[in-house]
PDB file of N, CA and C in Angstrom:
ATOM      1  N   THR A   1       7.987 -22.400 -12.676  1.00  0.00           N
ATOM      2  CA  THR A   1       8.786 -21.752 -13.705  1.00  0.00           C
ATOM      3  C   THR A   1       8.188 -21.956 -15.085  1.00  0.00           C
ATOM      4  N   GLY A   2       7.214 -22.825 -15.189  1.00  0.00           N
ATOM      5  CA  GLY A   2       6.592 -23.045 -16.488  1.00  0.00           C
ATOM      6  C   GLY A   2       5.595 -24.168 -16.408  1.00  0.00           C
ATOM      7  N   GLY A   3       4.915 -24.411 -17.489  1.00  0.00           N
ATOM      8  CA  GLY A   3       3.934 -25.487 -17.531  1.00  0.00           C
ATOM      9  C   GLY A   3       2.603 -24.976 -18.034  1.00  0.00           C
ATOM     10  N   CYS A   4       1.607 -25.837 -17.942  1.00  0.00           N
ATOM     11  CA  CYS A   4       0.272 -25.469 -18.415  1.00  0.00           C
ATOM     12  C   CYS A   4      -0.451 -24.625 -17.371  1.00  0.00           C
ATOM     13  N   CYS A   5      -1.652 -24.242 -17.687  1.00  0.00           N
ATOM     14  CA  CYS A   5      -2.464 -23.439 -16.776  1.00  0.00           C
ATOM     15  C   CYS A   5      -2.742 -24.202 -15.496  1.00  0.00           C
ATOM     16  N   VAL A   6      -2.682 -23.529 -14.372  1.00  0.00           N
ATOM     17  CA  VAL A   6      -2.971 -24.154 -13.085  1.00  0.00           C
ATOM     18  C   VAL A   6      -4.449 -24.523 -13.042  1.00  0.00           C
ATOM     19  N   GLY A   7      -4.753 -25.756 -12.641  1.00  0.00           N
ATOM     20  CA  GLY A   7      -6.122 -26.215 -12.507  1.00  0.00           C
ATOM     21  C   GLY A   7      -6.737 -26.751 -13.778  1.00  0.00           C
ATOM     22  N   MET A   8      -5.995 -26.735 -14.859  1.00  0.00           N
ATOM     23  CA  MET A   8      -6.557 -27.177 -16.131  1.00  0.00           C
ATOM     24  C   MET A   8      -6.595 -28.698 -16.241  1.00  0.00           C
ATOM     25  N   TYR A   9      -5.590 -29.361 -15.713  1.00  0.00           N
ATOM     26  CA  TYR A   9      -5.503 -30.816 -15.776  1.00  0.00           C
ATOM     27  C   TYR A   9      -5.292 -31.381 -14.380  1.00  0.00           C
ATOM     28  N   GLU A  10      -5.949 -32.504 -14.120  1.00  0.00           N
ATOM     29  CA  GLU A  10      -5.893 -33.097 -12.789  1.00  0.00           C
ATOM     30  C   GLU A  10      -4.477 -33.493 -12.376  1.00  0.00           C
ATOM     31  N   ARG A  11      -3.693 -34.021 -13.293  1.00  0.00           N
ATOM     32  CA  ARG A  11      -2.364 -34.511 -12.942  1.00  0.00           C
ATOM     33  C   ARG A  11      -1.238 -33.729 -13.632  1.00  0.00           C
ATOM     34  N   ALA A  12      -1.405 -32.453 -13.742  1.00  0.00           N
ATOM     35  CA  ALA A  12      -0.373 -31.622 -14.380  1.00  0.00           C
ATOM     36  C   ALA A  12       0.879 -31.583 -13.513  1.00  0.00           C
ATOM     37  N   GLU A  13       2.016 -31.536 -14.166  1.00  0.00           N
ATOM     38  CA  GLU A  13       3.282 -31.424 -13.459  1.00  0.00           C
ATOM     39  C   GLU A  13       3.912 -30.076 -13.796  1.00  0.00           C
ATOM     40  N   PHE A  14       4.565 -29.496 -12.812  1.00  0.00           N
ATOM     41  CA  PHE A  14       5.170 -28.186 -12.973  1.00  0.00           C
ATOM     42  C   PHE A  14       6.597 -28.199 -12.461  1.00  0.00           C
ATOM     43  N   GLU A  15       7.439 -27.427 -13.114  1.00  0.00           N
ATOM     44  CA  GLU A  15       8.778 -27.200 -12.591  1.00  0.00           C
ATOM     45  C   GLU A  15       8.639 -26.235 -11.422  1.00  0.00           C
ATOM     46  N   GLU A  16       9.472 -26.403 -10.414  1.00  0.00           N
ATOM     47  CA  GLU A  16       9.406 -25.530  -9.253  1.00  0.00           C
ATOM     48  C   GLU A  16      10.723 -24.806  -9.056  1.00  0.00           C
ATOM     49  N   GLU A  17      10.620 -23.631  -8.496  1.00  0.00           N
ATOM     50  CA  GLU A  17      11.795 -22.840  -8.163  1.00  0.00           C
ATOM     51  C   GLU A  17      11.458 -22.000  -6.944  1.00  0.00           C
ATOM     52  N   GLU A  18      12.388 -21.856  -6.040  1.00  0.00           N
ATOM     53  CA  GLU A  18      12.188 -21.019  -4.869  1.00  0.00           C
ATOM     54  C   GLU A  18      12.980 -19.734  -5.041  1.00  0.00           C
ATOM     55  N   ILE A  19      12.365 -18.644  -4.611  1.00  0.00           N
ATOM     56  CA  ILE A  19      13.074 -17.369  -4.595  1.00  0.00           C
ATOM     57  C   ILE A  19      12.865 -16.731  -3.232  1.00  0.00           C
ATOM     58  N   ALA A  20      13.820 -15.950  -2.803  1.00  0.00           N
ATOM     59  CA  ALA A  20      13.698 -15.211  -1.548  1.00  0.00           C
ATOM     60  C   ALA A  20      13.277 -13.786  -1.870  1.00  0.00           C
ATOM     61  N   LEU A  21      12.287 -13.299  -1.152  1.00  0.00           N
ATOM     62  CA  LEU A  21      11.855 -11.920  -1.338  1.00  0.00           C
ATOM     63  C   LEU A  21      12.665 -11.019  -0.416  1.00  0.00           C
ATOM     64  N   SER A  22      13.220  -9.986  -0.990  1.00  0.00           N
ATOM     65  CA  SER A  22      13.947  -8.988  -0.210  1.00  0.00           C
ATOM     66  C   SER A  22      12.956  -7.956   0.303  1.00  0.00           C
ATOM     67  N   PRO A  23      13.329  -7.219   1.345  1.00  0.00           N
ATOM     68  CA  PRO A  23      12.431  -6.166   1.825  1.00  0.00           C
ATOM     69  C   PRO A  23      12.055  -5.214   0.693  1.00  0.00           C
ATOM     70  N   GLY A  24      10.758  -4.947   0.570  1.00  0.00           N
ATOM     71  CA  GLY A  24      10.258  -4.061  -0.468  1.00  0.00           C
ATOM     72  C   GLY A  24       9.834  -4.768  -1.749  1.00  0.00           C
ATOM     73  N   ASP A  25      10.121  -6.074  -1.873  1.00  0.00           N
ATOM     74  CA  ASP A  25       9.718  -6.832  -3.061  1.00  0.00           C
ATOM     75  C   ASP A  25       8.220  -7.103  -3.041  1.00  0.00           C
ATOM     76  N   ARG A  26       7.645  -7.181  -4.217  1.00  0.00           N
ATOM     77  CA  ARG A  26       6.220  -7.490  -4.357  1.00  0.00           C
ATOM     78  C   ARG A  26       6.061  -8.523  -5.470  1.00  0.00           C
ATOM     79  N   VAL A  27       5.208  -9.516  -5.242  1.00  0.00           N
ATOM     80  CA  VAL A  27       4.862 -10.513  -6.250  1.00  0.00           C
ATOM     81  C   VAL A  27       3.381 -10.325  -6.558  1.00  0.00           C
ATOM     82  N   VAL A  28       3.043 -10.263  -7.850  1.00  0.00           N
ATOM     83  CA  VAL A  28       1.651 -10.112  -8.264  1.00  0.00           C
ATOM     84  C   VAL A  28       1.277 -11.329  -9.099  1.00  0.00           C
ATOM     85  N   LEU A  29       0.232 -12.025  -8.674  1.00  0.00           N
ATOM     86  CA  LEU A  29      -0.314 -13.171  -9.394  1.00  0.00           C
ATOM     87  C   LEU A  29      -1.640 -12.737  -9.998  1.00  0.00           C
ATOM     88  N   LEU A  30      -1.922 -13.177 -11.229  1.00  0.00           N
ATOM     89  CA  LEU A  30      -3.142 -12.708 -11.870  1.00  0.00           C
ATOM     90  C   LEU A  30      -3.665 -13.717 -12.870  1.00  0.00           C
ATOM     91  N   THR A  31      -4.917 -13.528 -13.215  1.00  0.00           N
ATOM     92  CA  THR A  31      -5.518 -14.318 -14.288  1.00  0.00           C
ATOM     93  C   THR A  31      -5.476 -13.507 -15.576  1.00  0.00           C
ATOM     94  N   ASP A  32      -5.619 -14.194 -16.694  1.00  0.00           N
ATOM     95  CA  ASP A  32      -5.544 -13.505 -17.989  1.00  0.00           C
ATOM     96  C   ASP A  32      -6.731 -12.585 -18.237  1.00  0.00           C
ATOM     97  N   GLY A  33      -7.778 -12.700 -17.423  1.00  0.00           N
ATOM     98  CA  GLY A  33      -8.892 -11.772 -17.549  1.00  0.00           C
ATOM     99  C   GLY A  33      -8.452 -10.336 -17.326  1.00  0.00           C
ATOM    100  N   LEU A  34      -7.400 -10.145 -16.562  1.00  0.00           N
ATOM    101  CA  LEU A  34      -6.874  -8.805 -16.303  1.00  0.00           C
ATOM    102  C   LEU A  34      -6.183  -8.231 -17.534  1.00  0.00           C
ATOM    103  N   THR A  35      -5.353  -9.011 -18.182  1.00  0.00           N
ATOM    104  CA  THR A  35      -4.644  -8.514 -19.365  1.00  0.00           C
ATOM    105  C   THR A  35      -5.553  -8.457 -20.595  1.00  0.00           C
ATOM    106  N   ASP A  36      -6.680  -9.161 -20.549  1.00  0.00           N
ATOM    107  CA  ASP A  36      -7.613  -9.186 -21.679  1.00  0.00           C
ATOM    108  C   ASP A  36      -8.651  -8.061 -21.649  1.00  0.00           C
ATOM    109  N   ILE A  37      -8.588  -7.182 -20.647  1.00  0.00           N
ATOM    110  CA  ILE A  37      -9.519  -6.055 -20.574  1.00  0.00           C
ATOM    111  C   ILE A  37      -9.311  -5.151 -21.785  1.00  0.00           C
ATOM    112  N   LYS A  38     -10.429  -4.678 -22.343  1.00  0.00           N
ATOM    113  CA  LYS A  38     -10.361  -3.737 -23.466  1.00  0.00           C
ATOM    114  C   LYS A  38     -10.920  -2.393 -23.028  1.00  0.00           C
ATOM    115  N   ASP A  39     -10.353  -1.317 -23.562  1.00  0.00           N
ATOM    116  CA  ASP A  39     -10.875   0.010 -23.259  1.00  0.00           C
ATOM    117  C   ASP A  39     -12.079   0.313 -24.149  1.00  0.00           C
ATOM    118  N   LYS A  40     -12.627   1.519 -24.018  1.00  0.00           N
ATOM    119  CA  LYS A  40     -13.840   1.870 -24.764  1.00  0.00           C
ATOM    120  C   LYS A  40     -13.641   1.841 -26.272  1.00  0.00           C
ATOM    121  N   ASN A  41     -12.380   1.900 -26.727  1.00  0.00           N
ATOM    122  CA  ASN A  41     -12.083   1.835 -28.161  1.00  0.00           C
ATOM    123  C   ASN A  41     -11.743   0.421 -28.622  1.00  0.00           C
ATOM    124  N   GLY A  42     -11.834  -0.544 -27.699  1.00  0.00           N
ATOM    125  CA  GLY A  42     -11.560  -1.932 -28.045  1.00  0.00           C
ATOM    126  C   GLY A  42     -10.101  -2.322 -28.006  1.00  0.00           C
ATOM    127  N   HIS A  43      -9.239  -1.439 -27.477  1.00  0.00           N
ATOM    128  CA  HIS A  43      -7.818  -1.751 -27.386  1.00  0.00           C
ATOM    129  C   HIS A  43      -7.546  -2.629 -26.163  1.00  0.00           C
ATOM    130  N   LEU A  44      -6.792  -3.689 -26.385  1.00  0.00           N
ATOM    131  CA  LEU A  44      -6.453  -4.642 -25.338  1.00  0.00           C
ATOM    132  C   LEU A  44      -5.487  -4.022 -24.337  1.00  0.00           C
ATOM    133  N   PHE A  45      -5.728  -4.256 -23.044  1.00  0.00           N
ATOM    134  CA  PHE A  45      -4.857  -3.770 -21.974  1.00  0.00           C
ATOM    135  C   PHE A  45      -3.482  -4.422 -22.100  1.00  0.00           C
ATOM    136  N   GLY A  46      -3.445  -5.743 -22.136  1.00  0.00           N
ATOM    137  CA  GLY A  46      -2.219  -6.492 -22.378  1.00  0.00           C
ATOM    138  C   GLY A  46      -1.205  -6.443 -21.250  1.00  0.00           C
ATOM    139  N   ILE A  47      -0.106  -7.150 -21.455  1.00  0.00           N
ATOM    140  CA  ILE A  47       0.978  -7.220 -20.463  1.00  0.00           C
ATOM    141  C   ILE A  47       1.631  -5.850 -20.296  1.00  0.00           C
ATOM    142  N   GLU A  48       1.855  -5.146 -21.391  1.00  0.00           N
ATOM    143  CA  GLU A  48       2.516  -3.838 -21.299  1.00  0.00           C
ATOM    144  C   GLU A  48       1.662  -2.842 -20.520  1.00  0.00           C
ATOM    145  N   GLY A  49       0.360  -2.827 -20.771  1.00  0.00           N
ATOM    146  CA  GLY A  49      -0.539  -1.950 -20.017  1.00  0.00           C
ATOM    147  C   GLY A  49      -0.528  -2.289 -18.535  1.00  0.00           C
ATOM    148  N   LEU A  50      -0.499  -3.575 -18.237  1.00  0.00           N
ATOM    149  CA  LEU A  50      -0.448  -4.025 -16.850  1.00  0.00           C
ATOM    150  C   LEU A  50       0.848  -3.579 -16.185  1.00  0.00           C
ATOM    151  N   LYS A  51       1.967  -3.730 -16.885  1.00  0.00           N
ATOM    152  CA  LYS A  51       3.259  -3.302 -16.324  1.00  0.00           C
ATOM    153  C   LYS A  51       3.235  -1.819 -15.972  1.00  0.00           C
ATOM    154  N   VAL A  52       2.698  -1.016 -16.878  1.00  0.00           N
ATOM    155  CA  VAL A  52       2.623   0.430 -16.640  1.00  0.00           C
ATOM    156  C   VAL A  52       1.757   0.719 -15.420  1.00  0.00           C
ATOM    157  N   LEU A  53       0.619   0.052 -15.328  1.00  0.00           N
ATOM    158  CA  LEU A  53      -0.289   0.254 -14.198  1.00  0.00           C
ATOM    159  C   LEU A  53       0.372  -0.140 -12.877  1.00  0.00           C
ATOM    160  N   LEU A  54       0.985  -1.296 -12.814  1.00  0.00           N
ATOM    161  CA  LEU A  54       1.615  -1.758 -11.575  1.00  0.00           C
ATOM    162  C   LEU A  54       2.784  -0.854 -11.185  1.00  0.00           C
ATOM    163  N   GLN A  55       3.559  -0.432 -12.165  1.00  0.00           N
ATOM    164  CA  GLN A  55       4.702   0.451 -11.897  1.00  0.00           C
ATOM    165  C   GLN A  55       4.244   1.784 -11.322  1.00  0.00           C
ATOM    166  N   LYS A  56       3.102   2.261 -11.780  1.00  0.00           N
ATOM    167  CA  LYS A  56       2.558   3.549 -11.335  1.00  0.00           C
ATOM    168  C   LYS A  56       2.372   3.586  -9.818  1.00  0.00           C
ATOM    169  N   TYR A  57       2.013   2.457  -9.234  1.00  0.00           N
ATOM    170  CA  TYR A  57       1.707   2.403  -7.804  1.00  0.00           C
ATOM    171  C   TYR A  57       2.708   1.583  -6.995  1.00  0.00           C
ATOM    172  N   THR A  58       3.821   1.227  -7.585  1.00  0.00           N
ATOM    173  CA  THR A  58       4.750   0.296  -6.948  1.00  0.00           C
ATOM    174  C   THR A  58       5.299   0.762  -5.607  1.00  0.00           C
ATOM    175  N   ASN A  59       5.411   2.057  -5.388  1.00  0.00           N
ATOM    176  CA  ASN A  59       5.994   2.559  -4.142  1.00  0.00           C
ATOM    177  C   ASN A  59       4.965   2.809  -3.047  1.00  0.00           C
ATOM    178  N   GLN A  60       3.718   2.445  -3.282  1.00  0.00           N
ATOM    179  CA  GLN A  60       2.684   2.667  -2.281  1.00  0.00           C
ATOM    180  C   GLN A  60       2.596   1.498  -1.308  1.00  0.00           C
ATOM    181  N   LYS A  61       2.097   1.798  -0.101  1.00  0.00           N
ATOM    182  CA  LYS A  61       1.857   0.742   0.866  1.00  0.00           C
ATOM    183  C   LYS A  61       0.843  -0.232   0.293  1.00  0.00           C
ATOM    184  N   GLU A  62       0.848  -1.458   0.790  1.00  0.00           N
ATOM    185  CA  GLU A  62       0.060  -2.534   0.184  1.00  0.00           C
ATOM    186  C   GLU A  62      -1.421  -2.212   0.052  1.00  0.00           C
ATOM    187  N   ASN A  63      -2.046  -1.677   1.102  1.00  0.00           N
ATOM    188  CA  ASN A  63      -3.485  -1.410   0.997  1.00  0.00           C
ATOM    189  C   ASN A  63      -3.777  -0.342  -0.061  1.00  0.00           C
ATOM    190  N   HIS A  64      -2.922   0.674  -0.199  1.00  0.00           N
ATOM    191  CA  HIS A  64      -3.119   1.697  -1.228  1.00  0.00           C
ATOM    192  C   HIS A  64      -2.819   1.132  -2.618  1.00  0.00           C
ATOM    193  N   PHE A  65      -1.815   0.270  -2.715  1.00  0.00           N
ATOM    194  CA  PHE A  65      -1.477  -0.367  -3.987  1.00  0.00           C
ATOM    195  C   PHE A  65      -2.685  -1.134  -4.516  1.00  0.00           C
ATOM    196  N   ILE A  66      -3.264  -1.990  -3.676  1.00  0.00           N
ATOM    197  CA  ILE A  66      -4.409  -2.811  -4.080  1.00  0.00           C
ATOM    198  C   ILE A  66      -5.611  -1.931  -4.422  1.00  0.00           C
ATOM    199  N   GLU A  67      -5.903  -0.930  -3.594  1.00  0.00           N
ATOM    200  CA  GLU A  67      -7.027  -0.023  -3.852  1.00  0.00           C
ATOM    201  C   GLU A  67      -6.884   0.697  -5.184  1.00  0.00           C
ATOM    202  N   ASN A  68      -5.717   1.276  -5.420  1.00  0.00           N
ATOM    203  CA  ASN A  68      -5.508   2.075  -6.626  1.00  0.00           C
ATOM    204  C   ASN A  68      -5.488   1.225  -7.893  1.00  0.00           C
ATOM    205  N   VAL A  69      -4.823   0.079  -7.852  1.00  0.00           N
ATOM    206  CA  VAL A  69      -4.804  -0.814  -9.013  1.00  0.00           C
ATOM    207  C   VAL A  69      -6.229  -1.301  -9.298  1.00  0.00           C
ATOM    208  N   SER A  70      -6.947  -1.707  -8.265  1.00  0.00           N
ATOM    209  CA  SER A  70      -8.325  -2.182  -8.434  1.00  0.00           C
ATOM    210  C   SER A  70      -9.209  -1.102  -9.033  1.00  0.00           C
ATOM    211  N   GLN A  71      -9.096   0.126  -8.532  1.00  0.00           N
ATOM    212  CA  GLN A  71      -9.936   1.212  -9.032  1.00  0.00           C
ATOM    213  C   GLN A  71      -9.654   1.492 -10.507  1.00  0.00           C
ATOM    214  N   GLU A  72      -8.388   1.463 -10.896  1.00  0.00           N
ATOM    215  CA  GLU A  72      -8.075   1.696 -12.320  1.00  0.00           C
ATOM    216  C   GLU A  72      -8.593   0.565 -13.197  1.00  0.00           C
ATOM    217  N   ILE A  73      -8.538  -0.658 -12.688  1.00  0.00           N
ATOM    218  CA  ILE A  73      -9.070  -1.799 -13.447  1.00  0.00           C
ATOM    219  C   ILE A  73     -10.575  -1.631 -13.634  1.00  0.00           C
ATOM    220  N   ILE A  74     -11.276  -1.284 -12.558  1.00  0.00           N
ATOM    221  CA  ILE A  74     -12.730  -1.091 -12.618  1.00  0.00           C
ATOM    222  C   ILE A  74     -13.067   0.038 -13.591  1.00  0.00           C
ATOM    223  N   THR A  75     -12.350   1.147 -13.500  1.00  0.00           N
ATOM    224  CA  THR A  75     -12.592   2.289 -14.380  1.00  0.00           C
ATOM    225  C   THR A  75     -12.322   1.921 -15.833  1.00  0.00           C
ATOM    226  N   ARG A  76     -11.258   1.193 -16.082  1.00  0.00           N
ATOM    227  CA  ARG A  76     -10.862   0.840 -17.451  1.00  0.00           C
ATOM    228  C   ARG A  76     -11.920  -0.029 -18.129  1.00  0.00           C
ATOM    229  N   HIS A  77     -12.479  -0.995 -17.407  1.00  0.00           N
ATOM    230  CA  HIS A  77     -13.392  -1.921 -18.079  1.00  0.00           C
ATOM    231  C   HIS A  77     -14.862  -1.599 -17.828  1.00  0.00           C
ATOM    232  N   ALA A  78     -15.151  -0.482 -17.192  1.00  0.00           N
ATOM    233  CA  ALA A  78     -16.540  -0.137 -16.864  1.00  0.00           C
ATOM    234  C   ALA A  78     -17.434  -0.054 -18.095  1.00  0.00           C
ATOM    235  N   SER A  79     -16.847   0.321 -19.234  1.00  0.00           N
ATOM    236  CA  SER A  79     -17.668   0.477 -20.434  1.00  0.00           C
ATOM    237  C   SER A  79     -17.763  -0.807 -21.255  1.00  0.00           C
ATOM    238  N   GLN A  80     -17.134  -1.864 -20.807  1.00  0.00           N
ATOM    239  CA  GLN A  80     -17.097  -3.119 -21.556  1.00  0.00           C
ATOM    240  C   GLN A  80     -17.833  -4.232 -20.807  1.00  0.00           C
ATOM    241  N   THR A  81     -18.384  -5.171 -21.539  1.00  0.00           N
ATOM    242  CA  THR A  81     -19.002  -6.343 -20.939  1.00  0.00           C
ATOM    243  C   THR A  81     -17.897  -7.272 -20.453  1.00  0.00           C
ATOM    244  N   GLN A  82     -18.012  -7.706 -19.217  1.00  0.00           N
ATOM    245  CA  GLN A  82     -16.996  -8.589 -18.648  1.00  0.00           C
ATOM    246  C   GLN A  82     -17.244 -10.018 -19.128  1.00  0.00           C
ATOM    247  N   THR A  83     -16.245 -10.637 -19.772  1.00  0.00           N
ATOM    248  CA  THR A  83     -16.411 -11.989 -20.299  1.00  0.00           C
ATOM    249  C   THR A  83     -15.485 -13.002 -19.638  1.00  0.00           C
ATOM    250  N   ASP A  84     -14.597 -12.551 -18.784  1.00  0.00           N
ATOM    251  CA  ASP A  84     -13.635 -13.453 -18.140  1.00  0.00           C
ATOM    252  C   ASP A  84     -13.436 -12.985 -16.705  1.00  0.00           C
ATOM    253  N   ASP A  85     -12.967 -13.903 -15.860  1.00  0.00           N
ATOM    254  CA  ASP A  85     -12.700 -13.514 -14.481  1.00  0.00           C
ATOM    255  C   ASP A  85     -11.512 -12.564 -14.433  1.00  0.00           C
ATOM    256  N   ILE A  86     -11.514 -11.688 -13.455  1.00  0.00           N
ATOM    257  CA  ILE A  86     -10.376 -10.793 -13.203  1.00  0.00           C
ATOM    258  C   ILE A  86      -9.961 -11.035 -11.757  1.00  0.00           C
ATOM    259  N   THR A  87      -8.773 -11.585 -11.598  1.00  0.00           N
ATOM    260  CA  THR A  87      -8.257 -11.867 -10.275  1.00  0.00           C
ATOM    261  C   THR A  87      -6.808 -11.432 -10.210  1.00  0.00           C
ATOM    262  N   PHE A  88      -6.449 -10.700  -9.164  1.00  0.00           N
ATOM    263  CA  PHE A  88      -5.033 -10.454  -8.923  1.00  0.00           C
ATOM    264  C   PHE A  88      -4.765 -10.512  -7.433  1.00  0.00           C
ATOM    265  N   ILE A  89      -3.620 -11.048  -7.111  1.00  0.00           N
ATOM    266  CA  ILE A  89      -3.187 -11.214  -5.731  1.00  0.00           C
ATOM    267  C   ILE A  89      -1.833 -10.535  -5.617  1.00  0.00           C
ATOM    268  N   SER A  90      -1.677  -9.714  -4.612  1.00  0.00           N
ATOM    269  CA  SER A  90      -0.410  -9.032  -4.391  1.00  0.00           C
ATOM    270  C   SER A  90       0.191  -9.524  -3.076  1.00  0.00           C
ATOM    271  N   ILE A  91       1.434  -9.957  -3.147  1.00  0.00           N
ATOM    272  CA  ILE A  91       2.169 -10.403  -1.959  1.00  0.00           C
ATOM    273  C   ILE A  91       3.333  -9.437  -1.782  1.00  0.00           C
ATOM    274  N   TYR A  92       3.383  -8.793  -0.638  1.00  0.00           N
ATOM    275  CA  TYR A  92       4.365  -7.752  -0.407  1.00  0.00           C
ATOM    276  C   TYR A  92       5.235  -8.087   0.808  1.00  0.00           C
ATOM    277  N   ASN A  93       6.527  -7.947   0.651  1.00  0.00           N
ATOM    278  CA  ASN A  93       7.471  -8.137   1.752  1.00  0.00           C
ATOM    279  C   ASN A  93       7.860  -6.741   2.234  1.00  0.00           C
ATOM    280  N   PRO A  94       7.322  -6.303   3.375  1.00  0.00           N
ATOM    281  CA  PRO A  94       7.559  -4.929   3.797  1.00  0.00           C
ATOM    282  C   PRO A  94       9.028  -4.641   4.091  1.00  0.00           C
ATOM    283  N   MET A  95       9.344  -3.364   4.053  1.00  0.00           N
ATOM    284  CA  MET A  95      10.699  -2.936   4.392  1.00  0.00           C
ATOM    285  C   MET A  95      10.987  -3.318   5.839  1.00  0.00           C
ATOM    286  N   GLU A  96      12.234  -3.565   6.114  1.00  0.00           N
ATOM    287  CA  GLU A  96      12.627  -3.924   7.479  1.00  0.00           C
ATOM    288  C   GLU A  96      12.373  -2.752   8.419  1.00  0.00           C
ATOM    289  N   GLN A  97      11.910  -3.078   9.605  1.00  0.00           N
ATOM    290  CA  GLN A  97      11.664  -2.049  10.643  1.00  0.00           C
ATOM    291  C   GLN A  97      12.928  -1.858  11.460  1.00  0.00           C
ATOM    292  N   ASN A  98      13.237  -0.608  11.793  1.00  0.00           N
ATOM    293  CA  ASN A  98      14.409  -0.310  12.653  1.00  0.00           C
ATOM    294  C   ASN A  98      14.025  -0.327  14.095  1.00  0.00           C
TER     295      ASN A  98
END
């Protein structure tokens, strides 16, 4: 629920919280290299840009979600020198099967 960056300190302590994922829920974990991407005009992608991108593909199946988000990230930063890692992990709880 909060704390310092993961992996930054050997003995860091973090508050913990458990949540239950409902069918159709998705959790996305990422590094700041993703939000720090700049477009060809030098504008920062940021949290708001990321929200818009993720929302655009939110109703797609997991493999299409990852493919489409990844492709837009690659396209967005293709004209810029990469200076930070870009990592995102998507965890999806599929809809219940009948």
